[in-house]
Amino acid sequence: MLIYTSHVPTTQRSLTRAATLFHALSDETRLAIVRRLQSGEQCVCDLTDLLDAAQSRLSFHLKVLKDAGLVSDRRAGRWVYYSLERDAFDDLETVVAELKPSARRLQVRATGCD
């Protein structure tokens, strides 16, 4: 998993990782899944009931979150259990911090671009 640090210059790989994370979190259903998983591992059957979503729709959203590295799964018999990947949220926190405007103000040009 790619770890972001403020002293490392932004690379295409880190931009791609940031876009993947933001895309995965850009849907209300996926955000609701993340909220449900904050309290710990959940069975897909419980998520289906809690979110009042069809299993096929929920499976799609869980796949997007899993492909982004935000959740992991484990199989126990016929059920699949999902949990959050803490490292991915650490990455996300760092990405957001890197995007925050600098506290130091840049000089404003008196004229336009030349």
N, C-alpha and C. Protein backbone atom coordinates (compact mmCIF):
# COMPACT_ATOMS: atom_id res chain seq x y z
N MET A 1 0.83 -1.17 0.00
CA MET A 1 0.00 0.00 0.00
C MET A 1 0.88 1.24 0.00
N LEU A 2 0.54 2.22 -0.81
CA LEU A 2 1.33 3.44 -0.93
C LEU A 2 1.08 4.33 0.28
N ILE A 3 2.15 4.76 0.90
CA ILE A 3 2.05 5.67 2.04
C ILE A 3 2.48 7.04 1.58
N TYR A 4 1.70 8.04 1.92
CA TYR A 4 1.98 9.41 1.52
C TYR A 4 2.67 10.14 2.66
N THR A 5 3.66 10.92 2.33
CA THR A 5 4.29 11.79 3.32
C THR A 5 4.41 13.17 2.72
N SER A 6 4.32 14.19 3.55
CA SER A 6 4.29 15.56 3.05
C SER A 6 5.60 15.98 2.41
N HIS A 7 6.71 15.34 2.75
CA HIS A 7 7.99 15.74 2.18
C HIS A 7 8.33 15.00 0.89
N VAL A 8 7.48 14.09 0.45
CA VAL A 8 7.71 13.36 -0.78
C VAL A 8 6.92 14.05 -1.89
N PRO A 9 7.56 14.35 -3.02
CA PRO A 9 6.84 15.02 -4.10
C PRO A 9 5.71 14.13 -4.64
N THR A 10 4.66 14.76 -5.11
CA THR A 10 3.53 14.04 -5.66
C THR A 10 3.97 13.35 -6.95
N THR A 11 3.63 12.09 -7.07
CA THR A 11 3.95 11.33 -8.27
C THR A 11 2.65 10.93 -8.95
N GLN A 12 2.76 10.48 -10.19
CA GLN A 12 1.58 10.00 -10.90
C GLN A 12 0.94 8.85 -10.14
N ARG A 13 1.75 7.99 -9.54
CA ARG A 13 1.23 6.85 -8.78
C ARG A 13 0.41 7.34 -7.59
N SER A 14 0.91 8.35 -6.87
CA SER A 14 0.16 8.84 -5.71
C SER A 14 -1.12 9.55 -6.14
N LEU A 15 -1.09 10.22 -7.30
CA LEU A 15 -2.31 10.86 -7.81
C LEU A 15 -3.34 9.80 -8.20
N THR A 16 -2.86 8.73 -8.80
CA THR A 16 -3.76 7.63 -9.18
C THR A 16 -4.38 7.00 -7.93
N ARG A 17 -3.56 6.80 -6.91
CA ARG A 17 -4.06 6.22 -5.65
C ARG A 17 -5.11 7.14 -5.03
N ALA A 18 -4.84 8.44 -5.02
CA ALA A 18 -5.79 9.40 -4.45
C ALA A 18 -7.11 9.36 -5.22
N ALA A 19 -7.04 9.33 -6.55
CA ALA A 19 -8.25 9.28 -7.36
C ALA A 19 -9.05 8.01 -7.09
N THR A 20 -8.35 6.89 -6.92
CA THR A 20 -9.02 5.62 -6.63
C THR A 20 -9.76 5.69 -5.29
N LEU A 21 -9.10 6.25 -4.29
CA LEU A 21 -9.72 6.37 -2.97
C LEU A 21 -10.94 7.29 -3.01
N PHE A 22 -10.78 8.46 -3.66
CA PHE A 22 -11.89 9.39 -3.73
C PHE A 22 -13.06 8.83 -4.54
N HIS A 23 -12.76 8.12 -5.61
CA HIS A 23 -13.82 7.50 -6.40
C HIS A 23 -14.61 6.49 -5.55
N ALA A 24 -13.87 5.67 -4.82
CA ALA A 24 -14.53 4.65 -4.00
C ALA A 24 -15.43 5.27 -2.94
N LEU A 25 -15.10 6.46 -2.49
CA LEU A 25 -15.90 7.12 -1.45
C LEU A 25 -16.88 8.15 -2.01
N SER A 26 -17.03 8.18 -3.33
CA SER A 26 -17.87 9.21 -3.95
C SER A 26 -19.33 8.81 -4.11
N ASP A 27 -19.74 7.76 -3.45
CA ASP A 27 -21.11 7.27 -3.56
C ASP A 27 -21.73 7.15 -2.17
N GLU A 28 -22.98 7.57 -2.04
CA GLU A 28 -23.64 7.54 -0.73
C GLU A 28 -23.74 6.13 -0.16
N THR A 29 -24.02 5.15 -1.00
CA THR A 29 -24.13 3.78 -0.50
C THR A 29 -22.79 3.31 0.03
N ARG A 30 -21.70 3.60 -0.69
CA ARG A 30 -20.38 3.18 -0.22
C ARG A 30 -20.00 3.91 1.07
N LEU A 31 -20.36 5.17 1.17
CA LEU A 31 -20.12 5.89 2.43
C LEU A 31 -20.92 5.27 3.58
N ALA A 32 -22.14 4.86 3.30
CA ALA A 32 -22.97 4.21 4.32
C ALA A 32 -22.35 2.87 4.73
N ILE A 33 -21.78 2.15 3.79
CA ILE A 33 -21.11 0.88 4.11
C ILE A 33 -19.93 1.15 5.04
N VAL A 34 -19.13 2.15 4.69
CA VAL A 34 -17.97 2.50 5.52
C VAL A 34 -18.42 2.86 6.93
N ARG A 35 -19.48 3.64 7.04
CA ARG A 35 -20.00 4.01 8.37
C ARG A 35 -20.39 2.77 9.16
N ARG A 36 -21.04 1.83 8.50
CA ARG A 36 -21.47 0.60 9.19
C ARG A 36 -20.29 -0.24 9.64
N LEU A 37 -19.21 -0.19 8.88
CA LEU A 37 -18.04 -0.99 9.21
C LEU A 37 -17.13 -0.33 10.24
N GLN A 38 -17.40 0.93 10.57
CA GLN A 38 -16.57 1.62 11.57
C GLN A 38 -16.60 0.91 12.91
N SER A 39 -17.72 0.29 13.23
CA SER A 39 -17.85 -0.37 14.53
C SER A 39 -17.25 -1.77 14.54
N GLY A 40 -16.78 -2.23 13.38
CA GLY A 40 -16.15 -3.55 13.31
C GLY A 40 -16.68 -4.37 12.15
N GLU A 41 -16.17 -5.57 12.07
CA GLU A 41 -16.50 -6.49 10.99
C GLU A 41 -18.01 -6.75 10.92
N GLN A 42 -18.52 -6.84 9.70
CA GLN A 42 -19.95 -7.10 9.49
C GLN A 42 -20.11 -8.17 8.42
N CYS A 43 -21.08 -9.02 8.62
CA CYS A 43 -21.45 -10.02 7.62
C CYS A 43 -22.21 -9.31 6.49
N VAL A 44 -22.01 -9.77 5.27
CA VAL A 44 -22.69 -9.16 4.14
C VAL A 44 -24.21 -9.23 4.32
N CYS A 45 -24.70 -10.29 4.97
CA CYS A 45 -26.15 -10.41 5.19
C CYS A 45 -26.65 -9.30 6.12
N ASP A 46 -25.85 -8.94 7.13
CA ASP A 46 -26.22 -7.85 8.04
C ASP A 46 -26.20 -6.52 7.32
N LEU A 47 -25.21 -6.32 6.45
CA LEU A 47 -25.13 -5.06 5.70
C LEU A 47 -26.33 -4.92 4.77
N THR A 48 -26.75 -6.02 4.17
CA THR A 48 -27.91 -5.99 3.29
C THR A 48 -29.14 -5.53 4.06
N ASP A 49 -29.33 -6.06 5.25
CA ASP A 49 -30.48 -5.68 6.07
C ASP A 49 -30.37 -4.23 6.57
N LEU A 50 -29.20 -3.87 7.07
CA LEU A 50 -29.00 -2.53 7.63
C LEU A 50 -29.16 -1.43 6.59
N LEU A 51 -28.70 -1.69 5.39
CA LEU A 51 -28.74 -0.68 4.34
C LEU A 51 -29.95 -0.81 3.43
N ASP A 52 -30.77 -1.82 3.69
CA ASP A 52 -31.97 -2.07 2.88
C ASP A 52 -31.61 -2.06 1.40
N ALA A 53 -30.58 -2.83 1.06
CA ALA A 53 -30.10 -2.89 -0.32
C ALA A 53 -30.12 -4.33 -0.81
N ALA A 54 -30.38 -4.48 -2.10
CA ALA A 54 -30.33 -5.80 -2.70
C ALA A 54 -28.89 -6.31 -2.65
N GLN A 55 -28.72 -7.61 -2.50
CA GLN A 55 -27.37 -8.16 -2.36
C GLN A 55 -26.51 -7.88 -3.59
N SER A 56 -27.10 -7.92 -4.79
CA SER A 56 -26.31 -7.66 -5.99
C SER A 56 -25.79 -6.22 -6.01
N ARG A 57 -26.63 -5.28 -5.60
CA ARG A 57 -26.21 -3.87 -5.54
C ARG A 57 -25.13 -3.69 -4.48
N LEU A 58 -25.31 -4.30 -3.33
CA LEU A 58 -24.35 -4.21 -2.25
C LEU A 58 -23.02 -4.86 -2.64
N SER A 59 -23.09 -5.98 -3.34
CA SER A 59 -21.87 -6.65 -3.78
C SER A 59 -21.05 -5.77 -4.71
N PHE A 60 -21.73 -5.06 -5.60
CA PHE A 60 -21.03 -4.14 -6.50
C PHE A 60 -20.27 -3.08 -5.71
N HIS A 61 -20.94 -2.46 -4.75
CA HIS A 61 -20.32 -1.40 -3.96
C HIS A 61 -19.19 -1.93 -3.08
N LEU A 62 -19.37 -3.11 -2.52
CA LEU A 62 -18.31 -3.71 -1.72
C LEU A 62 -17.08 -4.03 -2.58
N LYS A 63 -17.31 -4.44 -3.83
CA LYS A 63 -16.19 -4.71 -4.73
C LYS A 63 -15.41 -3.42 -5.02
N VAL A 64 -16.10 -2.32 -5.23
CA VAL A 64 -15.42 -1.05 -5.48
C VAL A 64 -14.56 -0.67 -4.27
N LEU A 65 -15.13 -0.81 -3.08
CA LEU A 65 -14.38 -0.50 -1.85
C LEU A 65 -13.20 -1.45 -1.66
N LYS A 66 -13.41 -2.72 -1.97
CA LYS A 66 -12.33 -3.70 -1.83
C LYS A 66 -11.23 -3.45 -2.85
N ASP A 67 -11.60 -3.18 -4.09
CA ASP A 67 -10.61 -2.90 -5.13
C ASP A 67 -9.77 -1.66 -4.81
N ALA A 68 -10.36 -0.72 -4.09
CA ALA A 68 -9.63 0.49 -3.68
C ALA A 68 -8.77 0.24 -2.45
N GLY A 69 -8.93 -0.94 -1.84
CA GLY A 69 -8.14 -1.27 -0.66
C GLY A 69 -8.72 -0.72 0.63
N LEU A 70 -9.96 -0.23 0.58
CA LEU A 70 -10.59 0.35 1.77
C LEU A 70 -11.22 -0.70 2.68
N VAL A 71 -11.61 -1.84 2.11
CA VAL A 71 -12.17 -2.92 2.92
C VAL A 71 -11.49 -4.23 2.55
N SER A 72 -11.55 -5.16 3.47
CA SER A 72 -11.08 -6.52 3.21
C SER A 72 -12.23 -7.45 3.56
N ASP A 73 -12.12 -8.67 3.07
CA ASP A 73 -13.17 -9.64 3.36
C ASP A 73 -12.56 -10.96 3.80
N ARG A 74 -13.39 -11.73 4.48
CA ARG A 74 -12.99 -13.09 4.86
C ARG A 74 -14.24 -13.95 4.78
N ARG A 75 -14.03 -15.14 4.30
CA ARG A 75 -15.14 -16.09 4.15
C ARG A 75 -15.19 -17.00 5.36
N ALA A 76 -16.39 -17.22 5.87
CA ALA A 76 -16.62 -18.17 6.96
C ALA A 76 -17.86 -18.98 6.57
N GLY A 77 -17.61 -20.17 6.08
CA GLY A 77 -18.73 -20.98 5.60
C GLY A 77 -19.32 -20.34 4.36
N ARG A 78 -20.61 -20.12 4.37
CA ARG A 78 -21.26 -19.52 3.20
C ARG A 78 -21.35 -18.00 3.29
N TRP A 79 -20.88 -17.43 4.39
CA TRP A 79 -20.98 -15.98 4.58
C TRP A 79 -19.64 -15.30 4.37
N VAL A 80 -19.71 -14.05 3.94
CA VAL A 80 -18.52 -13.22 3.77
C VAL A 80 -18.62 -12.06 4.75
N TYR A 81 -17.54 -11.83 5.46
CA TYR A 81 -17.47 -10.75 6.44
C TYR A 81 -16.52 -9.67 5.93
N TYR A 82 -16.92 -8.42 6.11
CA TYR A 82 -16.13 -7.28 5.63
C TYR A 82 -15.68 -6.43 6.81
N SER A 83 -14.50 -5.85 6.64
CA SER A 83 -13.97 -4.92 7.65
C SER A 83 -13.15 -3.84 6.95
N LEU A 84 -12.96 -2.72 7.63
CA LEU A 84 -12.19 -1.61 7.08
C LEU A 84 -10.71 -1.89 7.17
N GLU A 85 -9.97 -1.39 6.21
CA GLU A 85 -8.50 -1.46 6.19
C GLU A 85 -7.96 -0.14 6.72
N ARG A 86 -7.49 -0.14 7.93
CA ARG A 86 -7.03 1.08 8.60
C ARG A 86 -5.93 1.81 7.81
N ASP A 87 -4.99 1.07 7.22
CA ASP A 87 -3.91 1.69 6.47
C ASP A 87 -4.42 2.55 5.32
N ALA A 88 -5.48 2.10 4.66
CA ALA A 88 -6.05 2.86 3.55
C ALA A 88 -6.60 4.20 4.03
N PHE A 89 -7.17 4.21 5.23
CA PHE A 89 -7.71 5.46 5.77
C PHE A 89 -6.59 6.37 6.24
N ASP A 90 -5.47 5.79 6.65
CA ASP A 90 -4.28 6.60 6.95
C ASP A 90 -3.78 7.25 5.66
N ASP A 91 -3.76 6.48 4.56
CA ASP A 91 -3.38 7.03 3.26
C ASP A 91 -4.30 8.19 2.87
N LEU A 92 -5.59 7.97 3.05
CA LEU A 92 -6.58 8.98 2.69
C LEU A 92 -6.39 10.25 3.49
N GLU A 93 -6.13 10.10 4.78
CA GLU A 93 -5.89 11.25 5.64
C GLU A 93 -4.67 12.05 5.16
N THR A 94 -3.64 11.35 4.75
CA THR A 94 -2.44 12.01 4.26
C THR A 94 -2.71 12.71 2.94
N VAL A 95 -3.47 12.07 2.04
CA VAL A 95 -3.82 12.68 0.76
C VAL A 95 -4.55 13.99 0.99
N VAL A 96 -5.52 13.98 1.88
CA VAL A 96 -6.29 15.20 2.16
C VAL A 96 -5.38 16.27 2.74
N ALA A 97 -4.48 15.89 3.63
CA ALA A 97 -3.54 16.85 4.21
C ALA A 97 -2.65 17.46 3.13
N GLU A 98 -2.24 16.65 2.16
CA GLU A 98 -1.41 17.16 1.07
C GLU A 98 -2.16 18.14 0.18
N LEU A 99 -3.47 17.98 0.08
CA LEU A 99 -4.28 18.85 -0.77
C LEU A 99 -4.65 20.17 -0.09
N LYS A 100 -4.48 20.22 1.20
CA LYS A 100 -4.84 21.41 1.96
C LYS A 100 -3.97 22.58 1.51
N PRO A 101 -4.58 23.75 1.28
CA PRO A 101 -3.79 24.91 0.85
C PRO A 101 -2.71 25.26 1.88
N SER A 102 -1.62 25.76 1.37
CA SER A 102 -0.51 26.15 2.22
C SER A 102 -0.92 27.29 3.14
N ALA A 103 -0.40 27.29 4.35
CA ALA A 103 -0.68 28.38 5.28
C ALA A 103 0.08 29.63 4.84
N ARG A 104 1.16 29.42 4.12
CA ARG A 104 1.96 30.54 3.63
C ARG A 104 1.31 31.08 2.36
N ARG A 105 1.02 32.34 2.33
CA ARG A 105 0.38 32.95 1.17
C ARG A 105 1.42 33.27 0.11
N LEU A 106 1.07 32.97 -1.10
CA LEU A 106 1.94 33.30 -2.24
C LEU A 106 1.70 34.75 -2.66
N GLN A 107 2.74 35.37 -3.18
CA GLN A 107 2.59 36.73 -3.65
C GLN A 107 1.67 36.74 -4.84
N VAL A 108 0.79 37.74 -4.89
CA VAL A 108 -0.13 37.89 -6.01
C VAL A 108 0.52 38.81 -7.03
N ARG A 109 0.52 38.36 -8.27
CA ARG A 109 1.08 39.19 -9.35
C ARG A 109 0.18 40.38 -9.61
N ALA A 110 0.80 41.50 -9.89
CA ALA A 110 0.05 42.71 -10.21
C ALA A 110 -0.51 42.65 -11.63
N THR A 111 0.12 41.84 -12.48
CA THR A 111 -0.34 41.72 -13.85
C THR A 111 -0.69 40.28 -14.14
N GLY A 112 -1.33 40.06 -15.26
CA GLY A 112 -1.69 38.71 -15.66
C GLY A 112 -0.50 37.94 -16.18
N CYS A 113 -0.74 36.77 -16.70
CA CYS A 113 0.33 35.93 -17.25
C CYS A 113 0.90 36.58 -18.50
N ASP A 114 2.20 36.52 -18.64
CA ASP A 114 2.85 37.09 -19.82
C ASP A 114 3.58 36.03 -20.57
